Protein backbone atom coordinates (compact mmCIF):
# COMPACT_ATOMS: atom_id res chain seq x y z
CA MET A 1 16.19 -182.95 34.14
CA ASN A 2 18.47 -180.59 35.99
CA PRO A 3 16.95 -180.17 39.52
CA ALA A 4 17.86 -176.46 39.48
CA ARG A 5 15.51 -175.96 36.53
CA THR A 6 12.51 -177.29 38.47
CA GLN A 7 12.78 -174.81 41.33
CA LEU A 8 9.52 -173.12 42.26
CA HIS A 9 9.06 -169.56 41.00
CA ALA A 10 6.19 -167.19 41.84
CA VAL A 11 4.86 -164.45 39.57
CA THR A 12 2.32 -161.88 40.69
CA GLY A 13 -0.42 -161.35 38.12
CA ALA A 14 0.47 -164.24 35.79
CA PHE A 15 -3.03 -164.12 34.31
CA GLY A 16 -2.60 -160.43 33.48
CA TYR A 17 -0.19 -158.52 31.25
CA SER A 18 3.54 -158.47 31.98
CA GLY A 19 3.24 -161.25 34.55
CA ARG A 20 1.82 -163.58 31.93
CA TYR A 21 4.89 -163.20 29.73
CA ILE A 22 7.25 -163.77 32.64
CA ALA A 23 5.37 -166.92 33.63
CA ALA A 24 5.34 -168.20 30.05
CA ARG A 25 9.10 -167.75 29.74
CA LEU A 26 9.70 -169.53 33.05
CA LEU A 27 7.51 -172.46 31.95
CA ALA A 28 9.40 -172.65 28.67
CA GLU A 29 12.62 -173.02 30.69
CA GLY A 30 11.15 -175.91 32.65
CA ARG A 31 10.42 -174.03 35.87
CA GLU A 32 7.47 -174.78 38.13
CA VAL A 33 5.39 -171.61 38.44
CA ILE A 34 2.67 -170.37 40.75
CA THR A 35 0.92 -167.01 40.69
CA LEU A 36 -0.40 -164.68 43.35
CA THR A 37 -3.37 -162.76 42.05
CA ASN A 38 -6.48 -160.78 42.88
CA SER A 39 -8.24 -162.80 40.17
CA PRO A 40 -7.76 -166.50 41.05
CA GLU A 41 -10.89 -167.40 39.04
CA ARG A 42 -9.73 -165.66 35.87
CA ALA A 43 -9.39 -167.90 32.83
CA ASN A 44 -6.02 -169.63 33.03
CA PRO A 45 -4.00 -169.09 29.82
CA PHE A 46 -1.60 -171.86 30.82
CA ALA A 47 -4.03 -174.81 30.74
CA GLY A 48 -3.69 -175.26 34.50
CA ARG A 49 0.10 -175.39 34.50
CA VAL A 50 0.26 -172.33 36.80
CA ARG A 51 -1.48 -172.72 40.15
CA ALA A 52 -3.21 -169.59 41.44
CA PHE A 53 -3.27 -168.31 45.02
CA PRO A 54 -5.16 -165.21 46.20
CA PHE A 55 -3.02 -162.36 47.50
CA CYS A 56 -4.60 -162.30 50.97
CA PHE A 57 -2.82 -159.08 51.87
CA ASP A 58 -4.93 -158.84 55.04
CA GLN A 59 -3.77 -162.31 56.16
CA PRO A 60 0.04 -162.10 56.36
CA ASP A 61 0.58 -165.69 57.53
CA ARG A 62 -1.53 -167.04 54.68
CA LEU A 63 0.30 -164.81 52.23
CA ALA A 64 3.65 -166.12 53.47
CA ALA A 65 2.39 -169.71 53.31
CA SER A 66 1.52 -169.29 49.63
CA LEU A 67 5.20 -168.45 49.02
CA ALA A 68 6.55 -171.49 50.86
CA GLY A 69 9.29 -173.15 48.85
CA VAL A 70 9.52 -170.32 46.32
CA GLU A 71 13.02 -169.62 45.07
CA VAL A 72 12.34 -166.41 43.12
CA LEU A 73 9.41 -163.98 43.30
CA TYR A 74 8.69 -161.78 40.27
CA ASN A 75 6.56 -158.85 41.34
CA THR A 76 4.48 -156.94 38.76
CA TYR A 77 1.71 -155.89 41.17
CA TRP A 78 0.69 -152.21 40.91
CA VAL A 79 -2.18 -149.94 39.89
CA ARG A 80 -2.27 -147.48 37.02
CA PHE A 81 -4.27 -144.73 38.76
CA ASN A 82 -6.24 -143.90 41.90
CA HIS A 83 -9.80 -145.19 41.91
CA ARG A 84 -12.49 -145.70 44.52
CA ASP A 85 -11.66 -149.43 44.51
CA PHE A 86 -7.86 -149.14 44.49
CA THR A 87 -5.23 -146.47 45.13
CA TYR A 88 -1.49 -145.98 44.93
CA ALA A 89 -1.35 -145.92 48.73
CA MET A 90 -3.07 -149.31 48.89
CA ALA A 91 -0.69 -150.70 46.28
CA VAL A 92 2.32 -149.51 48.28
CA GLU A 93 1.07 -150.99 51.56
CA ASN A 94 0.12 -154.28 49.90
CA THR A 95 3.52 -154.57 48.24
CA LEU A 96 5.27 -153.91 51.55
CA ARG A 97 3.26 -156.80 53.02
CA LEU A 98 4.31 -158.96 50.08
CA PHE A 99 7.99 -158.22 50.75
CA VAL A 100 7.56 -159.11 54.42
CA ALA A 101 5.82 -162.35 53.47
CA ALA A 102 8.62 -163.20 51.04
CA ARG A 103 11.22 -162.74 53.73
CA GLN A 104 9.15 -164.84 56.17
CA ALA A 105 8.83 -167.60 53.57
CA GLY A 106 12.55 -167.63 52.85
CA VAL A 107 12.33 -166.47 49.23
CA ARG A 108 15.90 -166.29 47.89
CA ARG A 109 15.49 -163.47 45.34
CA ILE A 110 12.92 -160.88 44.27
CA VAL A 111 12.69 -159.37 40.80
CA HIS A 112 10.60 -156.22 41.17
CA VAL A 113 9.08 -154.16 38.34
CA SER A 114 9.35 -150.44 39.09
CA ILE A 115 9.37 -147.37 36.79
CA THR A 116 12.01 -145.10 35.29
CA ASN A 117 13.03 -142.08 37.37
CA PRO A 118 11.33 -142.92 40.68
CA ALA A 119 11.84 -140.38 43.48
CA GLU A 120 10.39 -140.36 46.96
CA ASP A 121 10.05 -136.56 46.86
CA SER A 122 8.17 -136.64 43.54
CA PRO A 123 4.80 -134.84 43.58
CA LEU A 124 3.47 -137.73 41.49
CA GLU A 125 2.26 -140.64 43.61
CA TYR A 126 3.09 -143.18 40.93
CA PHE A 127 6.78 -142.27 41.00
CA SER A 128 7.07 -141.57 44.73
CA GLY A 129 5.31 -144.85 45.56
CA LYS A 130 7.61 -146.83 43.31
CA ALA A 131 10.64 -145.15 44.90
CA ARG A 132 9.43 -146.01 48.39
CA LEU A 133 9.05 -149.65 47.38
CA GLU A 134 12.55 -149.76 45.88
CA ARG A 135 13.97 -148.53 49.18
CA ALA A 136 11.86 -151.01 51.15
CA LEU A 137 13.05 -153.89 48.98
CA ARG A 138 16.67 -152.93 49.51
CA GLU A 139 16.06 -152.80 53.24
CA THR A 140 14.68 -156.36 53.36
CA GLY A 141 18.15 -157.76 52.82
CA ILE A 142 16.75 -160.17 50.20
CA SER A 143 18.78 -160.58 47.02
CA HIS A 144 16.98 -158.53 44.39
CA ALA A 145 16.84 -157.01 40.94
CA ILE A 146 14.81 -153.90 40.16
CA LEU A 147 13.58 -153.41 36.60
CA ARG A 148 12.62 -149.89 35.57
CA PRO A 149 10.52 -149.94 32.40
CA THR A 150 8.97 -146.92 30.72
CA VAL A 151 5.99 -147.82 28.52
CA LEU A 152 5.25 -151.45 27.70
CA PHE A 153 3.87 -152.50 24.36
CA GLY A 154 2.51 -155.86 23.29
CA ARG A 155 -0.63 -157.81 22.66
CA GLU A 156 -2.43 -156.61 25.81
CA ASP A 157 -1.15 -153.04 25.59
CA ILE A 158 -3.36 -150.09 26.52
CA LEU A 159 -1.44 -146.89 25.62
CA ILE A 160 -0.31 -147.70 22.08
CA ASN A 161 -3.54 -149.53 21.25
CA ASN A 162 -5.70 -146.66 22.45
CA ILE A 163 -3.69 -144.05 20.55
CA ALA A 164 -4.41 -146.12 17.44
CA TRP A 165 -8.06 -146.45 18.47
CA ALA A 166 -8.37 -142.66 18.81
CA LEU A 167 -6.65 -142.04 15.48
CA ARG A 168 -9.08 -144.40 13.77
CA ARG A 169 -12.12 -142.62 15.24
CA PHE A 170 -11.43 -138.91 15.60
CA PRO A 171 -10.56 -136.30 12.94
CA CYS A 172 -7.52 -135.01 14.87
CA PHE A 173 -5.30 -135.92 17.80
CA ALA A 174 -4.39 -133.57 20.65
CA VAL A 175 -1.05 -133.75 22.44
CA PHE A 176 -0.26 -132.00 25.70
CA GLY A 177 1.79 -128.86 25.24
CA ASP A 178 4.30 -129.12 22.39
CA GLY A 179 4.45 -132.92 22.53
CA ASN A 180 8.26 -132.93 22.57
CA TYR A 181 8.71 -134.93 25.79
CA GLN A 182 10.10 -138.41 25.17
CA LEU A 183 9.31 -142.09 25.70
CA GLN A 184 11.32 -145.29 25.20
CA PRO A 185 8.78 -148.13 24.87
CA ILE A 186 9.89 -151.69 25.59
CA TYR A 187 8.28 -154.86 24.25
CA VAL A 188 6.66 -156.94 26.97
CA GLU A 189 8.51 -160.08 25.78
CA ASP A 190 11.81 -158.22 26.16
CA LEU A 191 10.86 -157.18 29.70
CA ALA A 192 10.04 -160.80 30.51
CA GLU A 193 13.42 -161.91 29.16
CA LEU A 194 15.16 -159.35 31.37
CA ALA A 195 13.13 -160.42 34.39
CA VAL A 196 13.85 -164.13 34.03
CA ALA A 197 17.55 -163.49 33.45
CA ALA A 198 17.62 -161.24 36.54
CA GLY A 199 15.95 -163.99 38.56
CA GLN A 200 18.92 -166.25 37.90
CA GLY A 201 21.37 -163.66 39.23
CA THR A 202 22.76 -163.21 42.71
CA VAL A 203 23.88 -159.58 42.86
CA ASN A 204 21.61 -156.69 43.72
CA GLU A 205 21.02 -154.64 40.58
CA THR A 206 18.83 -151.95 39.06
CA ILE A 207 18.16 -152.10 35.33
CA ASN A 208 16.54 -149.47 33.12
CA ALA A 209 14.22 -151.57 30.93
CA ILE A 210 13.96 -149.49 27.77
CA GLY A 211 13.50 -150.28 24.11
CA PRO A 212 15.78 -149.46 21.17
CA GLU A 213 13.69 -146.52 19.91
CA THR A 214 13.16 -143.11 21.51
CA PHE A 215 10.18 -140.99 20.43
CA THR A 216 8.81 -137.65 21.35
CA TYR A 217 5.13 -138.04 22.17
CA ARG A 218 4.26 -136.24 18.95
CA GLU A 219 6.55 -138.60 17.00
CA LEU A 220 4.97 -141.58 18.72
CA VAL A 221 1.46 -140.54 17.66
CA ARG A 222 2.69 -139.98 14.10
CA ALA A 223 4.44 -143.38 14.08
CA VAL A 224 1.23 -145.11 15.23
CA GLY A 225 -0.68 -143.33 12.46
CA ASP A 226 1.92 -144.33 9.87
CA ALA A 227 1.74 -147.97 10.98
CA ILE A 228 -2.05 -148.21 10.66
CA GLY A 229 -2.28 -145.95 7.61
CA VAL A 230 -4.35 -143.27 9.33
CA HIS A 231 -2.97 -139.72 9.22
CA ARG A 232 -4.61 -137.04 11.35
CA PRO A 233 -3.64 -133.49 12.22
CA ILE A 234 -1.76 -133.43 15.53
CA TRP A 235 -2.57 -130.37 17.61
CA GLY A 236 -0.72 -129.15 20.68
CA GLY A 237 -2.67 -127.45 23.42
CA PRO A 238 -2.82 -126.71 27.14
CA PRO A 239 -2.41 -129.87 29.24
CA ASP A 240 -5.60 -129.13 31.18
CA LEU A 241 -7.56 -128.99 27.94
CA GLY A 242 -6.07 -132.32 26.90
CA TRP A 243 -7.04 -133.79 30.24
CA LEU A 244 -10.61 -132.51 29.85
CA LEU A 245 -10.87 -133.97 26.36
CA GLY A 246 -9.49 -137.24 27.69
CA GLY A 247 -12.13 -137.11 30.41
CA VAL A 248 -14.87 -136.87 27.79
CA VAL A 249 -13.46 -139.88 25.96
CA GLY A 250 -13.16 -141.73 29.27
CA TRP A 251 -16.79 -140.99 30.10
CA TRP A 252 -17.81 -142.33 26.69
CA VAL A 253 -15.89 -145.60 27.08
CA ARG A 254 -16.45 -145.86 30.87
CA ASP A 255 -12.74 -145.88 31.60
CA LYS A 256 -9.79 -143.61 32.45
CA PHE A 257 -8.45 -142.64 29.03
CA ILE A 258 -5.70 -140.45 30.50
CA THR A 259 -5.00 -139.06 33.97
CA ARG A 260 -3.41 -135.83 35.21
CA GLU A 261 -0.65 -137.93 36.78
CA GLU A 262 0.16 -139.55 33.45
CA ILE A 263 0.19 -136.22 31.64
CA ARG A 264 2.50 -134.67 34.22
CA GLY A 265 4.83 -137.66 34.15
CA LEU A 266 5.03 -137.54 30.36
CA MET A 267 5.65 -133.81 30.23
CA ALA A 268 8.33 -134.04 32.94
CA ASN A 269 10.26 -136.49 30.69
CA LEU A 270 10.10 -139.18 33.36
CA LEU A 271 9.62 -141.94 30.76
CA ARG A 272 13.10 -141.61 29.31
CA VAL A 273 16.62 -142.20 30.62
CA ASP A 274 20.12 -141.68 29.28
CA THR A 275 21.24 -145.31 29.28
CA PRO A 276 21.69 -147.87 26.47
CA PRO A 277 18.60 -149.87 25.48
CA THR A 278 18.06 -153.22 27.15
CA GLY A 279 15.22 -154.36 24.87
CA ARG A 280 15.71 -155.43 21.26
CA THR A 281 12.27 -155.20 19.69
CA ALA A 282 11.44 -152.00 17.80
CA LEU A 283 7.96 -150.61 18.36
CA THR A 284 7.73 -149.41 14.76
CA GLY A 285 8.29 -152.91 13.38
CA TRP A 286 5.89 -154.47 15.85
CA MET A 287 3.17 -151.97 14.95
CA ARG A 288 3.59 -152.62 11.23
CA ALA A 289 3.25 -156.36 11.88
CA ASN A 290 0.04 -155.77 13.86
CA ALA A 291 -1.39 -152.86 11.86
CA VAL A 292 -4.55 -154.65 10.72
CA THR A 293 -5.83 -155.16 14.26
CA LEU A 294 -4.05 -152.44 16.25
CA GLY A 295 -6.60 -150.06 17.74
CA ARG A 296 -9.66 -151.79 16.29
CA VAL A 297 -11.07 -152.29 19.79
CA TYR A 298 -10.65 -149.97 22.77
CA ALA A 299 -8.55 -151.50 25.58
CA SER A 300 -10.19 -150.68 28.93
CA GLU A 301 -8.27 -150.78 32.20
CA LEU A 302 -11.43 -150.69 34.30
CA ALA A 303 -13.19 -153.37 32.26
CA ARG A 304 -10.31 -155.71 32.96
CA ARG A 305 -10.62 -155.00 36.66
CA ARG A 306 -14.41 -155.33 36.72
CA ASP A 307 -14.40 -158.74 35.06
CA ARG A 308 -12.20 -160.97 37.18
CA LYS A 309 -13.02 -164.18 35.29
CA ALA A 310 -12.56 -163.46 31.58
CA THR A 311 -9.22 -164.05 29.89
CA TYR A 312 -7.21 -160.87 30.42
CA PHE A 313 -5.51 -160.82 27.08
CA SER A 314 -7.39 -160.27 23.84
CA PRO A 315 -6.66 -161.26 20.22
CA LYS A 316 -7.51 -157.75 19.05
CA ILE A 317 -3.88 -156.60 18.74
CA GLY A 318 -2.49 -159.67 17.05
CA THR A 319 0.40 -161.84 18.06
């Protein structure tokens, strides 16, 4: 076997969503893979082939030691919203510690998952935090690639699945404002392919990770309905009303169905860019292939974080 193919690679969150697909692709290429995770006791989807190490953000030397011998670090660590147990600010500080640990450990290259249209002066913490981390990564001097996805879709998806879930259960669907702001969803397997390819590179680069289809939010909801054969009236209304309705749904399912930050980011068109697609898989085709199971079960962000032992991914959305 080619010795270069057995180099050690580290993926944050390999038992979670996007990290799992990156780790699987690396294993398929013959790489040795470890993961850094907040859930080292979570069910291992790789039959023990990926060793798990706790993040230990409060123990920098231990964090660096867990990265000893690592050639490439793929970082997917982040949080979706502020919560009493986790915040954007905490995610930023922890990621900065991870970058320092990587430099201390001699990691050759970092592939970092960011977001489209980050800006340090953004009023939205999600986008300003991601921008701050991009700058910090550049300042480390470590060879790096930055991937900027919009919305991910795939087996463990939350957004697309929960739109389908709502369409199956409620007599109508409310969009925020006119619903004409746009998204460019990318398949999680395509993101993983981009990440692994970027890990093999040597030049510093920033890549918009976007799929081949662009939807307005209203078109996206209609496309989900078409795929599952459920057609509901789509009403536009004040964003605050949409947030309140989302809060009611969130209370019912004990989760954050939608946040003000997400609504504002959508309506500001921050989930689209004017560059060619880098993913190949069309969301419409994927939804048709998974229509029978898409949205049958609500996908809860908080439930995944509360249960740190159960397998993160679920068969509810198909394969």
